[in-house]
Amino acid sequence: MASKGEAKPPPEPVVRPRKGGSRRVGATLPAELYVRFKAYVARRGGTGEQAIADAIEQMVTSGE
């Protein structure tokens, strides 16, 4: 505990998710990237974490 006259460090900020926030993948992605991701998933015929990982991997390796 800090005594009188001593500065104490500010408390750590608490990061909480927004209430009612969208849970879709594109909620945190730029619109263009989201559209490209959805097109990629549609071509692959699948969804889920593996599709997300594959799409990101493909975009990174293709230099985009």
PDB file of N, CA and C in Angstrom:
ATOM      1  N   MET A   1       0.836  -1.178   0.000  1.00  0.00           N
ATOM      2  CA  MET A   1       0.000   0.000   0.000  1.00  0.00           C
ATOM      3  C   MET A   1       0.879   1.239   0.000  1.00  0.00           C
ATOM      4  N   ALA A   2       0.550   2.196  -0.838  1.00  0.00           N
ATOM      5  CA  ALA A   2       1.334   3.414  -0.938  1.00  0.00           C
ATOM      6  C   ALA A   2       0.990   4.351   0.213  1.00  0.00           C
ATOM      7  N   SER A   3       2.041   4.921   0.812  1.00  0.00           N
ATOM      8  CA  SER A   3       1.781   5.878   1.879  1.00  0.00           C
ATOM      9  C   SER A   3       1.517   7.249   1.266  1.00  0.00           C
ATOM     10  N   LYS A   4       1.129   8.183   2.090  1.00  0.00           N
ATOM     11  CA  LYS A   4       0.758   9.513   1.599  1.00  0.00           C
ATOM     12  C   LYS A   4       1.940  10.139   0.855  1.00  0.00           C
ATOM     13  N   GLY A   5       1.673  10.677  -0.321  1.00  0.00           N
ATOM     14  CA  GLY A   5       2.723  11.324  -1.099  1.00  0.00           C
ATOM     15  C   GLY A   5       3.377  10.411  -2.121  1.00  0.00           C
ATOM     16  N   GLU A   6       3.176   9.112  -2.005  1.00  0.00           N
ATOM     17  CA  GLU A   6       3.757   8.177  -2.975  1.00  0.00           C
ATOM     18  C   GLU A   6       2.742   7.853  -4.060  1.00  0.00           C
ATOM     19  N   ALA A   7       3.251   7.777  -5.272  1.00  0.00           N
ATOM     20  CA  ALA A   7       2.368   7.418  -6.389  1.00  0.00           C
ATOM     21  C   ALA A   7       2.261   5.907  -6.468  1.00  0.00           C
ATOM     22  N   LYS A   8       1.077   5.441  -6.697  1.00  0.00           N
ATOM     23  CA  LYS A   8       0.916   4.006  -6.894  1.00  0.00           C
ATOM     24  C   LYS A   8       0.563   3.765  -8.360  1.00  0.00           C
ATOM     25  N   PRO A   9       0.976   2.642  -8.906  1.00  0.00           N
ATOM     26  CA  PRO A   9       0.701   2.380 -10.323  1.00  0.00           C
ATOM     27  C   PRO A   9      -0.799   2.251 -10.569  1.00  0.00           C
ATOM     28  N   PRO A  10      -1.238   2.670 -11.753  1.00  0.00           N
ATOM     29  CA  PRO A  10      -2.669   2.538 -12.055  1.00  0.00           C
ATOM     30  C   PRO A  10      -3.059   1.070 -12.156  1.00  0.00           C
ATOM     31  N   PRO A  11      -4.311   0.762 -11.880  1.00  0.00           N
ATOM     32  CA  PRO A  11      -4.741  -0.643 -11.987  1.00  0.00           C
ATOM     33  C   PRO A  11      -4.706  -1.112 -13.438  1.00  0.00           C
ATOM     34  N   GLU A  12      -4.525  -2.402 -13.613  1.00  0.00           N
ATOM     35  CA  GLU A  12      -4.528  -2.981 -14.964  1.00  0.00           C
ATOM     36  C   GLU A  12      -5.906  -2.796 -15.586  1.00  0.00           C
ATOM     37  N   PRO A  13      -5.951  -2.397 -16.852  1.00  0.00           N
ATOM     38  CA  PRO A  13      -7.265  -2.256 -17.492  1.00  0.00           C
ATOM     39  C   PRO A  13      -7.933  -3.617 -17.672  1.00  0.00           C
ATOM     40  N   VAL A  14      -9.226  -3.646 -17.484  1.00  0.00           N
ATOM     41  CA  VAL A  14      -9.984  -4.880 -17.642  1.00  0.00           C
ATOM     42  C   VAL A  14     -10.615  -4.862 -19.023  1.00  0.00           C
ATOM     43  N   VAL A  15     -10.286  -5.856 -19.831  1.00  0.00           N
ATOM     44  CA  VAL A  15     -10.828  -5.933 -21.179  1.00  0.00           C
ATOM     45  C   VAL A  15     -12.005  -6.892 -21.162  1.00  0.00           C
ATOM     46  N   ARG A  16     -13.167  -6.372 -21.499  1.00  0.00           N
ATOM     47  CA  ARG A  16     -14.377  -7.201 -21.524  1.00  0.00           C
ATOM     48  C   ARG A  16     -14.949  -7.197 -22.928  1.00  0.00           C
ATOM     49  N   PRO A  17     -15.464  -8.320 -23.376  1.00  0.00           N
ATOM     50  CA  PRO A  17     -16.112  -8.331 -24.699  1.00  0.00           C
ATOM     51  C   PRO A  17     -17.380  -7.483 -24.673  1.00  0.00           C
ATOM     52  N   ARG A  18     -17.689  -6.899 -25.822  1.00  0.00           N
ATOM     53  CA  ARG A  18     -18.907  -6.100 -25.918  1.00  0.00           C
ATOM     54  C   ARG A  18     -20.128  -6.997 -25.756  1.00  0.00           C
ATOM     55  N   LYS A  19     -21.116  -6.490 -25.078  1.00  0.00           N
ATOM     56  CA  LYS A  19     -22.357  -7.250 -24.924  1.00  0.00           C
ATOM     57  C   LYS A  19     -23.117  -7.216 -26.238  1.00  0.00           C
ATOM     58  N   GLY A  20     -23.600  -8.373 -26.648  1.00  0.00           N
ATOM     59  CA  GLY A  20     -24.373  -8.438 -27.879  1.00  0.00           C
ATOM     60  C   GLY A  20     -23.534  -8.281 -29.126  1.00  0.00           C
ATOM     61  N   GLY A  21     -22.226  -8.406 -28.995  1.00  0.00           N
ATOM     62  CA  GLY A  21     -21.355  -8.260 -30.152  1.00  0.00           C
ATOM     63  C   GLY A  21     -21.552  -9.393 -31.135  1.00  0.00           C
ATOM     64  N   SER A  22     -21.279  -9.107 -32.375  1.00  0.00           N
ATOM     65  CA  SER A  22     -21.438 -10.115 -33.416  1.00  0.00           C
ATOM     66  C   SER A  22     -20.389 -11.203 -33.243  1.00  0.00           C
ATOM     67  N   ARG A  23     -20.794 -12.440 -33.477  1.00  0.00           N
ATOM     68  CA  ARG A  23     -19.861 -13.550 -33.341  1.00  0.00           C
ATOM     69  C   ARG A  23     -19.393 -14.073 -34.684  1.00  0.00           C
ATOM     70  N   ARG A  24     -19.809 -13.431 -35.774  1.00  0.00           N
ATOM     71  CA  ARG A  24     -19.375 -13.912 -37.081  1.00  0.00           C
ATOM     72  C   ARG A  24     -17.902 -13.596 -37.283  1.00  0.00           C
ATOM     73  N   VAL A  25     -17.274 -14.344 -38.164  1.00  0.00           N
ATOM     74  CA  VAL A  25     -15.838 -14.206 -38.383  1.00  0.00           C
ATOM     75  C   VAL A  25     -15.490 -12.795 -38.821  1.00  0.00           C
ATOM     76  N   GLY A  26     -16.298 -12.203 -39.674  1.00  0.00           N
ATOM     77  CA  GLY A  26     -15.996 -10.894 -40.226  1.00  0.00           C
ATOM     78  C   GLY A  26     -16.119  -9.746 -39.247  1.00  0.00           C
ATOM     79  N   ALA A  27     -16.540 -10.010 -38.029  1.00  0.00           N
ATOM     80  CA  ALA A  27     -16.739  -8.931 -37.071  1.00  0.00           C
ATOM     81  C   ALA A  27     -15.442  -8.192 -36.777  1.00  0.00           C
ATOM     82  N   THR A  28     -14.311  -8.868 -36.871  1.00  0.00           N
ATOM     83  CA  THR A  28     -13.039  -8.224 -36.570  1.00  0.00           C
ATOM     84  C   THR A  28     -12.136  -8.137 -37.788  1.00  0.00           C
ATOM     85  N   LEU A  29     -12.651  -8.460 -38.963  1.00  0.00           N
ATOM     86  CA  LEU A  29     -11.846  -8.417 -40.179  1.00  0.00           C
ATOM     87  C   LEU A  29     -12.287  -7.265 -41.068  1.00  0.00           C
ATOM     88  N   PRO A  30     -11.356  -6.698 -41.839  1.00  0.00           N
ATOM     89  CA  PRO A  30     -11.755  -5.692 -42.822  1.00  0.00           C
ATOM     90  C   PRO A  30     -12.740  -6.298 -43.821  1.00  0.00           C
ATOM     91  N   ALA A  31     -13.630  -5.475 -44.355  1.00  0.00           N
ATOM     92  CA  ALA A  31     -14.692  -5.965 -45.237  1.00  0.00           C
ATOM     93  C   ALA A  31     -14.139  -6.737 -46.428  1.00  0.00           C
ATOM     94  N   GLU A  32     -13.098  -6.221 -47.066  1.00  0.00           N
ATOM     95  CA  GLU A  32     -12.552  -6.891 -48.252  1.00  0.00           C
ATOM     96  C   GLU A  32     -12.027  -8.282 -47.906  1.00  0.00           C
ATOM     97  N   LEU A  33     -11.307  -8.377 -46.800  1.00  0.00           N
ATOM     98  CA  LEU A  33     -10.753  -9.664 -46.391  1.00  0.00           C
ATOM     99  C   LEU A  33     -11.872 -10.637 -46.040  1.00  0.00           C
ATOM    100  N   TYR A  34     -12.926 -10.126 -45.404  1.00  0.00           N
ATOM    101  CA  TYR A  34     -14.048 -10.989 -45.040  1.00  0.00           C
ATOM    102  C   TYR A  34     -14.738 -11.537 -46.282  1.00  0.00           C
ATOM    103  N   VAL A  35     -14.953 -10.679 -47.280  1.00  0.00           N
ATOM    104  CA  VAL A  35     -15.599 -11.124 -48.518  1.00  0.00           C
ATOM    105  C   VAL A  35     -14.747 -12.189 -49.196  1.00  0.00           C
ATOM    106  N   ARG A  36     -13.441 -11.975 -49.232  1.00  0.00           N
ATOM    107  CA  ARG A  36     -12.542 -12.957 -49.857  1.00  0.00           C
ATOM    108  C   ARG A  36     -12.539 -14.264 -49.073  1.00  0.00           C
ATOM    109  N   PHE A  37     -12.578 -14.157 -47.744  1.00  0.00           N
ATOM    110  CA  PHE A  37     -12.617 -15.354 -46.911  1.00  0.00           C
ATOM    111  C   PHE A  37     -13.897 -16.150 -47.163  1.00  0.00           C
ATOM    112  N   LYS A  38     -15.033 -15.447 -47.222  1.00  0.00           N
ATOM    113  CA  LYS A  38     -16.302 -16.139 -47.459  1.00  0.00           C
ATOM    114  C   LYS A  38     -16.299 -16.826 -48.824  1.00  0.00           C
ATOM    115  N   ALA A  39     -15.722 -16.179 -49.824  1.00  0.00           N
ATOM    116  CA  ALA A  39     -15.634 -16.790 -51.153  1.00  0.00           C
ATOM    117  C   ALA A  39     -14.752 -18.035 -51.097  1.00  0.00           C
ATOM    118  N   TYR A  40     -13.663 -17.960 -50.358  1.00  0.00           N
ATOM    119  CA  TYR A  40     -12.758 -19.103 -50.224  1.00  0.00           C
ATOM    120  C   TYR A  40     -13.472 -20.272 -49.545  1.00  0.00           C
ATOM    121  N   VAL A  41     -14.194 -19.981 -48.465  1.00  0.00           N
ATOM    122  CA  VAL A  41     -14.913 -21.031 -47.743  1.00  0.00           C
ATOM    123  C   VAL A  41     -15.986 -21.646 -48.639  1.00  0.00           C
ATOM    124  N   ALA A  42     -16.673 -20.810 -49.419  1.00  0.00           N
ATOM    125  CA  ALA A  42     -17.707 -21.314 -50.326  1.00  0.00           C
ATOM    126  C   ALA A  42     -17.097 -22.252 -51.373  1.00  0.00           C
ATOM    127  N   ARG A  43     -15.922 -21.899 -51.875  1.00  0.00           N
ATOM    128  CA  ARG A  43     -15.252 -22.766 -52.859  1.00  0.00           C
ATOM    129  C   ARG A  43     -14.833 -24.088 -52.226  1.00  0.00           C
ATOM    130  N   ARG A  44     -14.365 -24.024 -50.985  1.00  0.00           N
ATOM    131  CA  ARG A  44     -13.914 -25.235 -50.289  1.00  0.00           C
ATOM    132  C   ARG A  44     -15.079 -26.112 -49.861  1.00  0.00           C
ATOM    133  N   GLY A  45     -16.207 -25.503 -49.605  1.00  0.00           N
ATOM    134  CA  GLY A  45     -17.374 -26.257 -49.162  1.00  0.00           C
ATOM    135  C   GLY A  45     -17.330 -26.617 -47.697  1.00  0.00           C
ATOM    136  N   GLY A  46     -16.689 -25.813 -46.888  1.00  0.00           N
ATOM    137  CA  GLY A  46     -16.619 -26.113 -45.461  1.00  0.00           C
ATOM    138  C   GLY A  46     -16.607 -24.847 -44.635  1.00  0.00           C
ATOM    139  N   THR A  47     -16.660 -25.018 -43.316  1.00  0.00           N
ATOM    140  CA  THR A  47     -16.587 -23.880 -42.402  1.00  0.00           C
ATOM    141  C   THR A  47     -15.783 -24.312 -41.192  1.00  0.00           C
ATOM    142  N   GLY A  48     -15.616 -23.416 -40.252  1.00  0.00           N
ATOM    143  CA  GLY A  48     -14.970 -23.762 -38.999  1.00  0.00           C
ATOM    144  C   GLY A  48     -13.544 -23.274 -38.899  1.00  0.00           C
ATOM    145  N   GLU A  49     -12.907 -23.655 -37.794  1.00  0.00           N
ATOM    146  CA  GLU A  49     -11.566 -23.166 -37.495  1.00  0.00           C
ATOM    147  C   GLU A  49     -10.544 -23.581 -38.541  1.00  0.00           C
ATOM    148  N   GLN A  50     -10.647 -24.800 -39.030  1.00  0.00           N
ATOM    149  CA  GLN A  50      -9.672 -25.259 -40.019  1.00  0.00           C
ATOM    150  C   GLN A  50      -9.782 -24.442 -41.299  1.00  0.00           C
ATOM    151  N   ALA A  51     -10.992 -24.110 -41.708  1.00  0.00           N
ATOM    152  CA  ALA A  51     -11.188 -23.291 -42.909  1.00  0.00           C
ATOM    153  C   ALA A  51     -10.586 -21.906 -42.714  1.00  0.00           C
ATOM    154  N   ILE A  52     -10.740 -21.348 -41.520  1.00  0.00           N
ATOM    155  CA  ILE A  52     -10.158 -20.039 -41.224  1.00  0.00           C
ATOM    156  C   ILE A  52      -8.640 -20.120 -41.320  1.00  0.00           C
ATOM    157  N   ALA A  53      -8.070 -21.139 -40.685  1.00  0.00           N
ATOM    158  CA  ALA A  53      -6.621 -21.312 -40.715  1.00  0.00           C
ATOM    159  C   ALA A  53      -6.122 -21.519 -42.137  1.00  0.00           C
ATOM    160  N   ASP A  54      -6.820 -22.326 -42.914  1.00  0.00           N
ATOM    161  CA  ASP A  54      -6.422 -22.575 -44.303  1.00  0.00           C
ATOM    162  C   ASP A  54      -6.495 -21.305 -45.140  1.00  0.00           C
ATOM    163  N   ALA A  55      -7.553 -20.518 -44.948  1.00  0.00           N
ATOM    164  CA  ALA A  55      -7.723 -19.288 -45.721  1.00  0.00           C
ATOM    165  C   ALA A  55      -6.616 -18.293 -45.405  1.00  0.00           C
ATOM    166  N   ILE A  56      -6.303 -18.139 -44.137  1.00  0.00           N
ATOM    167  CA  ILE A  56      -5.238 -17.216 -43.742  1.00  0.00           C
ATOM    168  C   ILE A  56      -3.902 -17.702 -44.276  1.00  0.00           C
ATOM    169  N   GLU A  57      -3.648 -18.991 -44.155  1.00  0.00           N
ATOM    170  CA  GLU A  57      -2.405 -19.569 -44.661  1.00  0.00           C
ATOM    171  C   GLU A  57      -2.266 -19.324 -46.161  1.00  0.00           C
ATOM    172  N   GLN A  58      -3.341 -19.528 -46.912  1.00  0.00           N
ATOM    173  CA  GLN A  58      -3.289 -19.326 -48.358  1.00  0.00           C
ATOM    174  C   GLN A  58      -3.015 -17.863 -48.691  1.00  0.00           C
ATOM    175  N   MET A  59      -3.666 -16.945 -47.981  1.00  0.00           N
ATOM    176  CA  MET A  59      -3.460 -15.521 -48.245  1.00  0.00           C
ATOM    177  C   MET A  59      -2.037 -15.093 -47.908  1.00  0.00           C
ATOM    178  N   VAL A  60      -1.485 -15.646 -46.831  1.00  0.00           N
ATOM    179  CA  VAL A  60      -0.124 -15.296 -46.436  1.00  0.00           C
ATOM    180  C   VAL A  60       0.879 -15.833 -47.448  1.00  0.00           C
ATOM    181  N   THR A  61       0.705 -17.077 -47.858  1.00  0.00           N
ATOM    182  CA  THR A  61       1.669 -17.674 -48.785  1.00  0.00           C
ATOM    183  C   THR A  61       1.555 -17.106 -50.186  1.00  0.00           C
ATOM    184  N   SER A  62       0.381 -16.569 -50.551  1.00  0.00           N
ATOM    185  CA  SER A  62       0.237 -15.994 -51.888  1.00  0.00           C
ATOM    186  C   SER A  62       0.709 -14.543 -51.918  1.00  0.00           C
ATOM    187  N   GLY A  63       1.117 -14.004 -50.777  1.00  0.00           N
ATOM    188  CA  GLY A  63       1.668 -12.658 -50.722  1.00  0.00           C
ATOM    189  C   GLY A  63       0.635 -11.557 -50.696  1.00  0.00           C
ATOM    190  N   GLU A  64      -0.581 -11.855 -50.344  1.00  0.00           N
ATOM    191  CA  GLU A  64      -1.635 -10.825 -50.326  1.00  0.00           C
ATOM    192  C   GLU A  64      -1.743 -10.208 -48.960  1.00  0.00           C
TER     193      GLU A  64
END
